[in-house]
Protein backbone atom coordinates (compact mmCIF):
# COMPACT_ATOMS: atom_id res chain seq x y z
CA MET A 1 -13.31 -5.04 -25.54
CA PRO A 2 -12.71 -1.29 -25.25
CA VAL A 3 -10.52 0.53 -27.73
CA HIS A 4 -6.98 1.06 -26.41
CA ARG A 5 -4.30 3.48 -27.43
CA ALA A 6 -1.13 2.11 -28.98
CA GLY A 7 1.10 0.62 -26.31
CA GLN A 8 -1.65 0.35 -23.70
CA PRO A 9 -2.34 -3.06 -22.19
CA LYS A 10 -5.45 -4.83 -23.37
CA VAL A 11 -6.02 -6.04 -19.80
CA TYR A 12 -4.34 -4.34 -16.84
CA LEU A 13 -3.83 -6.67 -13.88
CA ASP A 14 -1.19 -4.87 -11.85
CA ASN A 15 -3.34 -2.77 -9.52
CA SER A 16 -1.35 -3.96 -6.49
CA SER A 17 1.52 -1.94 -7.86
CA THR A 18 -0.40 1.08 -9.15
CA SER A 19 -4.13 1.39 -9.75
CA PHE A 20 -5.20 2.06 -13.33
CA PRO A 21 -7.27 3.65 -14.68
CA LYS A 22 -7.95 6.45 -12.22
CA PRO A 23 -11.49 7.57 -11.37
CA PRO A 24 -13.15 10.43 -13.24
CA GLY A 25 -11.85 13.79 -12.09
CA VAL A 26 -8.33 12.81 -11.04
CA VAL A 27 -6.55 13.78 -14.27
CA LYS A 28 -8.62 16.96 -14.49
CA ALA A 29 -7.63 17.91 -10.94
CA VAL A 30 -3.92 17.41 -11.64
CA THR A 31 -4.25 19.53 -14.78
CA GLU A 32 -6.14 22.19 -12.82
CA TYR A 33 -3.19 22.65 -10.47
CA LEU A 34 -0.67 22.84 -13.33
CA GLU A 35 -2.73 25.19 -15.49
CA ASP A 36 -4.59 27.37 -13.01
CA VAL A 37 -2.74 27.34 -9.65
CA GLY A 38 0.99 26.66 -9.94
CA CYS A 39 2.07 28.26 -6.63
CA ASN A 40 3.62 26.70 -3.54
CA LEU A 41 2.11 25.77 -0.20
CA ASN A 42 2.60 28.14 2.79
CA ARG A 43 4.97 30.33 0.74
CA THR A 44 2.68 33.05 -0.58
CA GLY A 45 -0.29 35.15 0.47
CA PHE A 46 -2.16 35.70 -2.79
CA ALA A 47 -5.54 34.28 -3.73
CA THR A 48 -4.45 31.13 -5.57
CA SER A 49 -2.37 30.11 -2.56
CA CYS A 50 -5.53 30.24 -0.46
CA VAL A 51 -7.23 27.94 -2.97
CA LEU A 52 -4.27 25.55 -2.73
CA ASN A 53 -4.40 25.57 1.08
CA LYS A 54 -8.10 24.76 0.92
CA ARG A 55 -7.59 21.81 -1.44
CA THR A 56 -4.73 20.44 0.67
CA ARG A 57 -6.87 20.72 3.79
CA GLU A 58 -9.66 18.91 1.95
CA ALA A 59 -7.36 15.96 1.20
CA ARG A 60 -6.24 15.77 4.84
CA THR A 61 -9.82 16.01 6.12
CA ARG A 62 -11.11 13.29 3.80
CA LEU A 63 -8.26 10.98 4.77
CA ALA A 64 -8.88 11.55 8.48
CA ARG A 65 -12.56 10.77 7.93
CA LEU A 66 -11.80 7.67 5.86
CA PHE A 67 -9.65 6.21 8.65
CA ASN A 68 -11.85 7.47 11.52
CA TYR A 69 -9.27 9.81 12.96
CA PRO A 70 -10.48 13.01 14.66
CA GLU A 71 -7.69 15.47 13.78
CA PHE A 72 -6.88 16.30 10.14
CA LYS A 73 -3.71 18.18 11.14
CA HIS A 74 -2.11 14.86 12.09
CA VAL A 75 -2.35 13.69 8.46
CA CYS A 76 1.22 14.26 7.25
CA PHE A 77 1.99 13.96 3.55
CA THR A 78 5.15 12.38 2.14
CA THR A 79 6.44 11.27 -1.25
CA GLY A 80 4.97 7.79 -0.75
CA ILE A 81 4.36 5.02 1.74
CA THR A 82 7.99 3.86 1.67
CA THR A 83 9.03 7.29 2.92
CA SER A 84 6.23 7.18 5.49
CA LEU A 85 7.37 3.85 6.90
CA ASN A 86 10.98 5.07 7.03
CA ILE A 87 9.87 8.16 8.95
CA ALA A 88 7.84 6.08 11.40
CA LEU A 89 10.48 3.44 12.06
CA LYS A 90 13.55 5.68 12.07
CA GLY A 91 11.81 8.52 13.84
CA LEU A 92 10.33 6.53 16.72
CA LEU A 93 12.76 3.69 17.40
CA LYS A 94 15.90 4.19 19.45
CA ARG A 95 19.00 2.14 20.21
CA GLY A 96 18.10 -0.85 22.37
CA ASP A 97 14.49 -1.05 21.12
CA HIS A 98 12.99 -4.28 19.77
CA VAL A 99 10.25 -4.53 17.11
CA LEU A 100 7.98 -7.36 15.98
CA ILE A 101 7.03 -7.60 12.30
CA SER A 102 5.12 -10.18 10.30
CA HIS A 103 6.84 -12.54 7.90
CA MET A 104 4.79 -11.04 5.06
CA GLU A 105 6.38 -7.60 5.16
CA HIS A 106 7.45 -5.56 2.15
CA ASN A 107 11.02 -4.28 1.79
CA ALA A 108 9.67 -0.87 2.80
CA VAL A 109 9.60 -2.29 6.34
CA THR A 110 12.38 -4.87 6.37
CA ARG A 111 15.10 -2.77 4.73
CA PRO A 112 14.78 0.17 7.15
CA LEU A 113 14.87 -2.31 10.03
CA PHE A 114 18.03 -3.97 8.70
CA GLN A 115 19.53 -0.47 8.56
CA LEU A 116 18.38 0.24 12.10
CA ARG A 117 19.84 -3.06 13.30
CA ARG A 118 23.27 -1.60 12.62
CA ARG A 119 22.30 1.23 14.97
CA GLY A 120 21.25 -1.00 17.83
CA VAL A 121 17.58 -1.68 17.05
CA SER A 122 16.58 -5.35 16.91
CA PHE A 123 13.56 -7.04 15.35
CA SER A 124 11.92 -10.45 15.17
CA PHE A 125 9.49 -12.04 12.73
CA ILE A 126 6.01 -13.16 13.69
CA PRO A 127 5.64 -16.47 11.81
CA CYS A 128 3.02 -16.80 9.10
CA ALA A 129 1.54 -19.96 7.58
CA SER A 130 2.17 -21.02 3.98
CA ASP A 131 -1.02 -19.23 2.91
CA GLY A 132 0.22 -16.00 4.49
CA THR A 133 -2.11 -16.05 7.49
CA LEU A 134 -0.99 -14.94 10.94
CA ASP A 135 -2.28 -16.27 14.25
CA PRO A 136 -2.42 -13.40 16.80
CA ALA A 137 -1.90 -15.95 19.61
CA SER A 138 1.68 -16.39 18.36
CA ILE A 139 2.56 -12.79 19.27
CA PRO A 140 2.63 -12.64 23.12
CA PRO A 141 5.37 -15.30 23.50
CA LEU A 142 7.59 -13.23 21.18
CA LEU A 143 7.43 -10.08 23.29
CA LYS A 144 10.61 -9.02 25.07
CA PRO A 145 11.20 -6.52 27.89
CA ASN A 146 12.58 -4.05 25.31
CA THR A 147 9.86 -4.57 22.68
CA ARG A 148 8.59 -1.11 21.74
CA ALA A 149 6.43 -1.68 18.66
CA ILE A 150 4.61 -4.06 16.37
CA CYS A 151 4.72 -3.15 12.69
CA CYS A 152 2.78 -5.06 10.06
CA LEU A 153 0.98 -4.71 6.78
CA HIS A 154 -2.79 -5.03 6.54
CA GLY A 155 -2.83 -7.02 3.31
CA SER A 156 -0.06 -8.86 1.46
CA ASN A 157 1.07 -7.43 -1.85
CA VAL A 158 2.38 -10.90 -2.78
CA CYS A 159 -0.66 -13.16 -2.34
CA GLY A 160 -3.39 -10.87 -0.98
CA THR A 161 -3.75 -12.43 2.47
CA ILE A 162 -5.36 -10.06 5.00
CA LEU A 163 -3.76 -9.88 8.45
CA PRO A 164 -5.97 -9.45 11.57
CA ILE A 165 -4.91 -5.91 12.47
CA ARG A 166 -7.72 -5.39 14.98
CA GLN A 167 -6.58 -8.35 17.09
CA ILE A 168 -2.94 -7.37 16.67
CA GLY A 169 -3.74 -3.80 17.67
CA ALA A 170 -5.49 -5.02 20.81
CA ILE A 171 -2.39 -7.04 21.78
CA ALA A 172 -0.16 -4.02 21.17
CA ARG A 173 -2.37 -1.74 23.26
CA GLU A 174 -2.53 -4.21 26.17
CA ALA A 175 1.27 -4.53 26.13
CA GLY A 176 1.81 -0.78 25.88
CA LEU A 177 3.42 -1.01 22.44
CA LEU A 178 3.26 1.24 19.41
CA PHE A 179 1.25 -0.25 16.56
CA ILE A 180 2.41 0.81 13.08
CA VAL A 181 0.32 -0.33 10.11
CA ASP A 182 1.28 -0.46 6.43
CA SER A 183 -2.01 0.04 4.55
CA ALA A 184 -0.52 0.15 1.05
CA GLN A 185 -2.76 -2.62 -0.27
CA SER A 186 -5.86 -2.12 1.86
CA ALA A 187 -6.52 1.63 2.10
CA GLY A 188 -9.52 2.45 -0.06
CA VAL A 189 -10.58 -1.20 -0.28
CA LEU A 190 -11.00 -2.43 3.31
CA PRO A 191 -12.42 -0.43 6.22
CA ILE A 192 -9.69 0.88 8.54
CA ASP A 193 -10.59 2.46 11.87
CA MET A 194 -7.55 3.89 13.62
CA GLN A 195 -9.36 4.13 16.95
CA ALA A 196 -11.07 0.72 16.99
CA ASP A 197 -7.95 -0.95 15.56
CA ASN A 198 -5.69 0.78 18.13
CA ILE A 199 -3.39 2.07 15.38
CA ASP A 200 -0.78 4.58 16.53
CA VAL A 201 0.77 5.25 13.12
CA LEU A 202 -1.06 4.52 9.87
CA CYS A 203 1.03 4.73 6.69
CA PHE A 204 -0.75 5.04 3.35
CA ALA A 205 -0.08 5.33 -0.39
CA ALA A 206 -2.15 7.49 -2.75
CA HIS A 207 -1.56 5.58 -5.97
CA LYS A 208 -2.98 2.15 -5.09
CA GLY A 209 -6.42 1.57 -3.53
CA LEU A 210 -6.91 5.28 -2.87
CA LEU A 211 -6.86 5.66 -6.68
CA GLY A 212 -4.80 8.85 -6.68
CA PRO A 213 -1.63 9.78 -8.57
CA PRO A 214 1.83 8.41 -7.72
CA GLY A 215 4.37 10.36 -5.72
CA VAL A 216 2.07 11.01 -2.75
CA GLY A 217 1.70 9.10 0.49
CA GLY A 218 1.60 9.89 4.14
CA LEU A 219 1.21 8.87 7.73
CA ILE A 220 -1.32 9.68 10.42
CA LEU A 221 0.02 9.93 13.97
CA ARG A 222 -1.62 9.81 17.36
CA PRO A 223 -1.28 13.20 19.11
CA GLU A 224 1.39 12.23 21.63
CA LEU A 225 3.73 11.01 18.89
CA GLY A 226 3.98 14.35 17.14
CA SER A 227 6.52 15.67 19.63
CA ARG A 228 8.35 12.33 19.89
CA ILE A 229 8.99 11.53 16.26
CA GLU A 230 12.27 12.67 14.74
CA PRO A 231 11.84 14.05 11.20
CA LEU A 232 13.74 12.19 8.49
CA VAL A 233 14.14 15.39 6.45
CA VAL A 234 14.22 18.99 7.70
CA GLY A 235 14.30 22.29 5.85
CA GLY A 236 11.93 25.00 4.74
CA THR A 237 8.29 24.80 5.77
CA GLY A 238 7.21 28.30 4.72
CA VAL A 239 6.50 29.38 8.30
CA PHE A 240 8.61 30.01 11.43
CA SER A 241 11.57 30.61 9.13
CA GLU A 242 13.41 32.48 11.88
CA GLU A 243 13.78 29.27 13.90
CA ASP A 244 16.84 27.01 13.50
CA LYS A 245 14.80 23.87 14.06
CA VAL A 246 11.80 22.55 12.22
CA PRO A 247 8.44 23.49 13.81
CA ASP A 248 7.09 20.97 16.30
CA ASP A 249 3.49 21.28 15.12
CA LEU A 250 2.06 18.68 12.78
CA PRO A 251 1.92 18.41 9.84
CA MET A 252 4.79 20.91 9.30
CA HIS A 253 7.06 18.86 11.58
CA LEU A 254 7.26 16.16 8.89
CA GLU A 255 6.66 18.19 5.73
CA SER A 256 9.80 20.16 4.91
CA GLY A 257 10.40 21.20 1.31
CA THR A 258 8.15 21.67 -1.71
CA PRO A 259 5.57 18.87 -1.83
CA ASN A 260 3.87 17.15 -4.76
CA LEU A 261 1.05 19.67 -4.96
CA MET A 262 -0.44 18.38 -8.19
CA GLY A 263 -0.56 15.02 -6.42
CA TYR A 264 -2.54 16.59 -3.58
CA TYR A 265 -5.07 17.87 -6.10
CA GLY A 266 -5.37 14.46 -7.74
CA LEU A 267 -5.67 12.69 -4.39
CA ALA A 268 -8.41 15.06 -3.22
CA ALA A 269 -10.39 14.26 -6.38
CA ALA A 270 -9.86 10.51 -5.91
CA LEU A 271 -11.03 10.74 -2.29
CA ARG A 272 -14.18 12.58 -3.37
CA TRP A 273 -14.91 9.70 -5.76
CA LEU A 274 -14.16 7.12 -3.04
CA GLU A 275 -16.54 8.78 -0.59
CA LYS A 276 -19.29 8.97 -3.19
CA THR A 277 -18.82 5.35 -4.26
CA GLY A 278 -18.30 3.89 -0.78
CA ILE A 279 -15.70 1.46 0.54
CA GLU A 280 -18.32 -1.27 0.97
CA ARG A 281 -19.27 -1.11 -2.69
CA ILE A 282 -15.64 -1.10 -3.79
CA HIS A 283 -14.82 -4.09 -1.62
CA ALA A 284 -17.90 -6.00 -2.81
CA ARG A 285 -16.88 -5.39 -6.42
CA GLU A 286 -13.34 -6.64 -5.77
CA VAL A 287 -14.70 -9.75 -4.04
CA GLU A 288 -16.70 -10.54 -7.18
CA LEU A 289 -13.65 -10.05 -9.37
CA TYR A 290 -11.47 -12.18 -7.06
CA GLU A 291 -13.92 -15.07 -7.09
CA HIS A 292 -14.38 -14.82 -10.86
CA LEU A 293 -10.64 -14.88 -11.50
CA LEU A 294 -10.01 -17.61 -8.93
CA ALA A 295 -12.60 -19.87 -10.57
CA GLY A 296 -10.91 -19.38 -13.93
CA LEU A 297 -7.42 -20.07 -12.61
CA GLN A 298 -8.57 -23.22 -10.83
CA GLN A 299 -9.48 -24.69 -14.22
CA LEU A 300 -5.90 -24.50 -15.50
CA ASP A 301 -3.77 -27.65 -15.18
CA SER A 302 -0.43 -27.61 -13.36
CA LEU A 303 -0.97 -24.17 -11.88
CA CYS A 304 -0.31 -23.57 -8.18
CA ILE A 305 -2.37 -20.81 -6.60
CA HIS A 306 -0.90 -19.26 -3.45
CA GLY A 307 -2.68 -17.51 -0.59
CA THR A 308 -5.90 -18.38 1.16
CA GLN A 309 -8.04 -18.79 -2.00
CA ASP A 310 -10.87 -17.29 0.04
CA SER A 311 -12.33 -13.86 -0.70
CA ARG A 312 -13.17 -13.40 3.00
CA THR A 313 -9.48 -13.46 3.94
CA SER A 314 -7.84 -12.08 0.81
CA LEU A 315 -7.60 -8.89 -1.15
CA CYS A 316 -8.19 -9.00 -4.90
CA VAL A 317 -4.71 -10.41 -5.52
CA LEU A 318 -3.89 -13.85 -6.89
CA ALA A 319 -0.35 -15.23 -7.05
CA VAL A 320 0.45 -18.31 -9.12
CA THR A 321 3.40 -20.49 -10.04
CA ALA A 322 3.79 -23.26 -12.60
CA PRO A 323 6.14 -26.07 -11.48
CA GLY A 324 8.96 -26.61 -13.94
CA LEU A 325 8.35 -23.36 -15.81
CA ASP A 326 10.05 -19.97 -15.66
CA ILE A 327 7.19 -17.77 -14.49
CA GLY A 328 9.00 -14.75 -15.90
CA GLN A 329 8.74 -16.19 -19.40
CA VAL A 330 5.02 -16.72 -18.86
CA ALA A 331 4.59 -13.09 -17.82
CA TRP A 332 6.60 -11.94 -20.86
CA ARG A 333 4.40 -14.01 -23.16
CA LEU A 334 1.24 -12.59 -21.57
CA ASP A 335 2.45 -9.07 -22.24
CA SER A 336 4.12 -9.43 -25.63
CA LYS A 337 1.59 -11.73 -27.25
CA HIS A 338 -1.68 -10.96 -25.47
CA ARG A 339 -1.12 -7.47 -23.96
CA VAL A 340 -2.07 -8.64 -20.50
CA SER A 341 -0.13 -6.70 -17.86
CA THR A 342 0.81 -8.69 -14.75
CA ARG A 343 3.85 -8.74 -12.50
CA CYS A 344 6.30 -11.52 -11.80
CA GLY A 345 9.10 -12.01 -9.30
CA LEU A 346 9.42 -11.39 -5.57
CA HIS A 347 7.32 -8.19 -5.56
CA CYS A 348 9.79 -6.46 -3.22
CA ALA A 349 8.86 -8.91 -0.47
CA PRO A 350 11.48 -11.69 -0.26
CA TRP A 351 10.55 -12.70 3.29
CA ALA A 352 6.91 -13.14 2.28
CA ASN A 353 8.00 -15.43 -0.54
CA ARG A 354 10.00 -17.46 1.94
CA ALA A 355 6.89 -17.76 4.12
CA ILE A 356 4.61 -19.01 1.34
CA GLY A 357 7.23 -21.27 -0.26
CA THR A 358 7.91 -19.37 -3.49
CA TRP A 359 11.48 -18.30 -2.74
CA PRO A 360 13.66 -17.61 -4.72
CA THR A 361 11.74 -17.47 -8.00
CA GLY A 362 8.65 -15.63 -6.78
CA THR A 363 5.22 -15.66 -8.37
CA LEU A 364 3.15 -14.35 -11.23
CA ARG A 365 0.73 -11.89 -9.67
CA LEU A 366 -2.65 -10.94 -11.10
CA SER A 367 -4.34 -8.03 -9.34
CA PRO A 368 -7.58 -6.69 -10.82
CA GLY A 369 -9.09 -3.42 -9.63
CA TYR A 370 -12.49 -1.82 -9.29
CA PHE A 371 -12.63 -0.87 -12.99
CA THR A 372 -11.64 -4.34 -14.28
CA LYS A 373 -14.40 -6.12 -16.20
CA PRO A 374 -15.19 -9.84 -15.80
CA ARG A 375 -14.76 -10.37 -19.56
CA GLU A 376 -11.24 -9.00 -19.26
CA LEU A 377 -10.52 -11.63 -16.62
CA ASP A 378 -11.87 -14.34 -18.94
CA TYR A 379 -9.55 -13.10 -21.66
CA ALA A 380 -6.61 -13.05 -19.23
CA VAL A 381 -7.24 -16.64 -18.13
CA SER A 382 -7.36 -17.79 -21.76
CA ALA A 383 -4.18 -15.86 -22.48
CA LEU A 384 -2.50 -17.42 -19.45
CA GLU A 385 -3.51 -20.90 -20.60
CA GLU A 386 -1.94 -20.27 -24.01
CA SER A 387 1.17 -18.72 -22.46
CA LEU A 388 1.69 -21.70 -20.15
CA TRP A 389 1.32 -24.06 -23.12
CA TYR A 390 3.76 -22.01 -25.19
CA VAL A 391 6.47 -21.77 -22.51
CA ARG A 392 6.07 -25.45 -21.66
CA LYS A 393 6.52 -26.31 -25.33
CA GLN A 394 9.66 -24.16 -25.58
CA THR A 395 11.25 -25.80 -22.53
CA ARG A 396 10.85 -29.38 -23.73
């Protein structure tokens, strides 16, 4: 096993929350901004500001290319994907509108919609099976005359199940609806094609599969939505300061205030690494890790594995429960005794837990990443076996 600093996990299995470690070059890029650049975006005219503008444009261009979108100026940065989803939902939906969402959604979608319900926006759930799968044929009967959008995640952060966004996007396009996609778990791991998938608004996070630093996210909008969307936050943009309203042009329309510029630098470096490595290679590696971990977990007695248990229909995320045991105690034992970092609970997705039958206790989630080694997974399975035995012994 590699040498770890004091306090570091021996095995890190919480990549669904935040990827770790980051690729080579990301930390250096963040440090480069702090040590060598330091200025603000669109606020100055000296040389380092031009360097900053170039790096920011690079990040936008690489993201547009990654998601097969033709215009880099429609890549709008935010503080994270939760902010992005709030901007999309609150900026595009009006009183009287109806939205369809999957039963697997994160609170970043459901909580804004519960807020909007108090303002006259309604929503309905598209049912999902107990393994998290969604049948696109169930969508058309749920459409109403006032349905304006379908919003769904691409992959579940709870159990890893992948939703069929291409089929859903085709249904949305045929019905004349907006299609908003939460790519928090899939961006950087699965191919996403905004044009072929008929995606109108793609929301993304930098710190998960894109392997960048936290505090950066964004959304990519189809051209006609730029003038329609209402900004969630307005203020200084560095240009057109004489105007009382925020500029209409993207990305400035949605980017008021000082952004996380060191995050832009780190994200640009991560995207360079992603392009060099290739999404296909990354996905193939995560399939290998998923199947390796799944095989190990299937050997443990009295452990329930949730999701599809099929690498063709799941991200590299495995959620487990142990009947009769407090899964939180198991996670605590894994961390305190074995230094294996996992996550337990509802994972900010209570409705998904209802769908897969793990409400209200939630699951223990193990999510390897590209840099996880198979031997680390073997160690984690052994540690989980001991932790289950220990907690079971304590509860007798």
